[in-house]
Amino acid sequence: MLMPKRTKYRKMMKGRNRGYANRGTEFTFGEFALKATEAGRINSRQ
């Protein structure tokens, strides 16, 4: 994942995670899916 090593102000790079997704929430093939139970962040190694 491309990410700058250092920035002058880190809070600008952080962003905000608001609201719920209303697009891309349905899968079109298969019988099983994974669903997130809570909002959160993952790092580039996960």
C-alpha atoms as a PDB file:
ATOM      1  CA  MET A   1       0.000   0.000   0.000  1.00  0.00           C
ATOM      2  CA  LEU A   2       1.416   3.379  -0.958  1.00  0.00           C
ATOM      3  CA  MET A   3       1.730   5.726   1.964  1.00  0.00           C
ATOM      4  CA  PRO A   4       4.064   8.611   2.784  1.00  0.00           C
ATOM      5  CA  LYS A   5       6.636   7.891   5.474  1.00  0.00           C
ATOM      6  CA  ARG A   6       6.298  11.299   7.089  1.00  0.00           C
ATOM      7  CA  THR A   7       3.918  14.204   6.730  1.00  0.00           C
ATOM      8  CA  LYS A   8       4.034  17.635   8.278  1.00  0.00           C
ATOM      9  CA  TYR A   9       0.538  17.327   9.723  1.00  0.00           C
ATOM     10  CA  ARG A  10      -0.653  13.774  10.395  1.00  0.00           C
ATOM     11  CA  LYS A  11      -4.267  14.684  11.136  1.00  0.00           C
ATOM     12  CA  MET A  12      -4.891  15.720   7.515  1.00  0.00           C
ATOM     13  CA  MET A  13      -3.838  12.261   6.303  1.00  0.00           C
ATOM     14  CA  LYS A  14      -6.021  10.494   8.873  1.00  0.00           C
ATOM     15  CA  GLY A  15      -9.391  11.301   7.323  1.00  0.00           C
ATOM     16  CA  ARG A  16     -12.818  10.637   8.763  1.00  0.00           C
ATOM     17  CA  ASN A  17     -14.983   7.533   8.692  1.00  0.00           C
ATOM     18  CA  ARG A  18     -18.574   8.776   8.679  1.00  0.00           C
ATOM     19  CA  GLY A  19     -21.895   7.087   8.086  1.00  0.00           C
ATOM     20  CA  TYR A  20     -22.829   3.763   6.563  1.00  0.00           C
ATOM     21  CA  ALA A  21     -22.101   2.458   3.084  1.00  0.00           C
ATOM     22  CA  ASN A  22     -25.098   2.409   0.792  1.00  0.00           C
ATOM     23  CA  ARG A  23     -23.321   1.151  -2.332  1.00  0.00           C
ATOM     24  CA  GLY A  24     -21.405  -2.083  -2.713  1.00  0.00           C
ATOM     25  CA  THR A  25     -23.084  -3.775   0.228  1.00  0.00           C
ATOM     26  CA  GLU A  26     -24.545  -6.715  -1.703  1.00  0.00           C
ATOM     27  CA  PHE A  27     -22.575  -9.582  -3.185  1.00  0.00           C
ATOM     28  CA  THR A  28     -23.548 -10.896  -6.593  1.00  0.00           C
ATOM     29  CA  PHE A  29     -22.161 -14.434  -6.544  1.00  0.00           C
ATOM     30  CA  GLY A  30     -21.527 -17.204  -4.057  1.00  0.00           C
ATOM     31  CA  GLU A  31     -23.417 -18.335  -0.995  1.00  0.00           C
ATOM     32  CA  PHE A  32     -21.369 -16.961   1.898  1.00  0.00           C
ATOM     33  CA  ALA A  33     -19.903 -13.581   2.825  1.00  0.00           C
ATOM     34  CA  LEU A  34     -18.086 -11.823   5.669  1.00  0.00           C
ATOM     35  CA  LYS A  35     -19.699  -8.900   7.435  1.00  0.00           C
ATOM     36  CA  ALA A  36     -17.966  -6.341   9.639  1.00  0.00           C
ATOM     37  CA  THR A  37     -19.598  -5.923  13.037  1.00  0.00           C
ATOM     38  CA  GLU A  38     -17.977  -2.578  13.832  1.00  0.00           C
ATOM     39  CA  ALA A  39     -16.158   0.237  12.087  1.00  0.00           C
ATOM     40  CA  GLY A  40     -12.392   0.410  12.387  1.00  0.00           C
ATOM     41  CA  ARG A  41      -9.066   0.858  10.697  1.00  0.00           C
ATOM     42  CA  ILE A  42      -6.521  -1.692   9.562  1.00  0.00           C
ATOM     43  CA  ASN A  43      -2.886  -1.023   8.873  1.00  0.00           C
ATOM     44  CA  SER A  44      -1.000  -1.932   5.702  1.00  0.00           C
ATOM     45  CA  ARG A  45       0.281  -5.222   7.168  1.00  0.00           C
ATOM     46  CA  GLN A  46      -3.137  -6.709   7.893  1.00  0.00           C
END
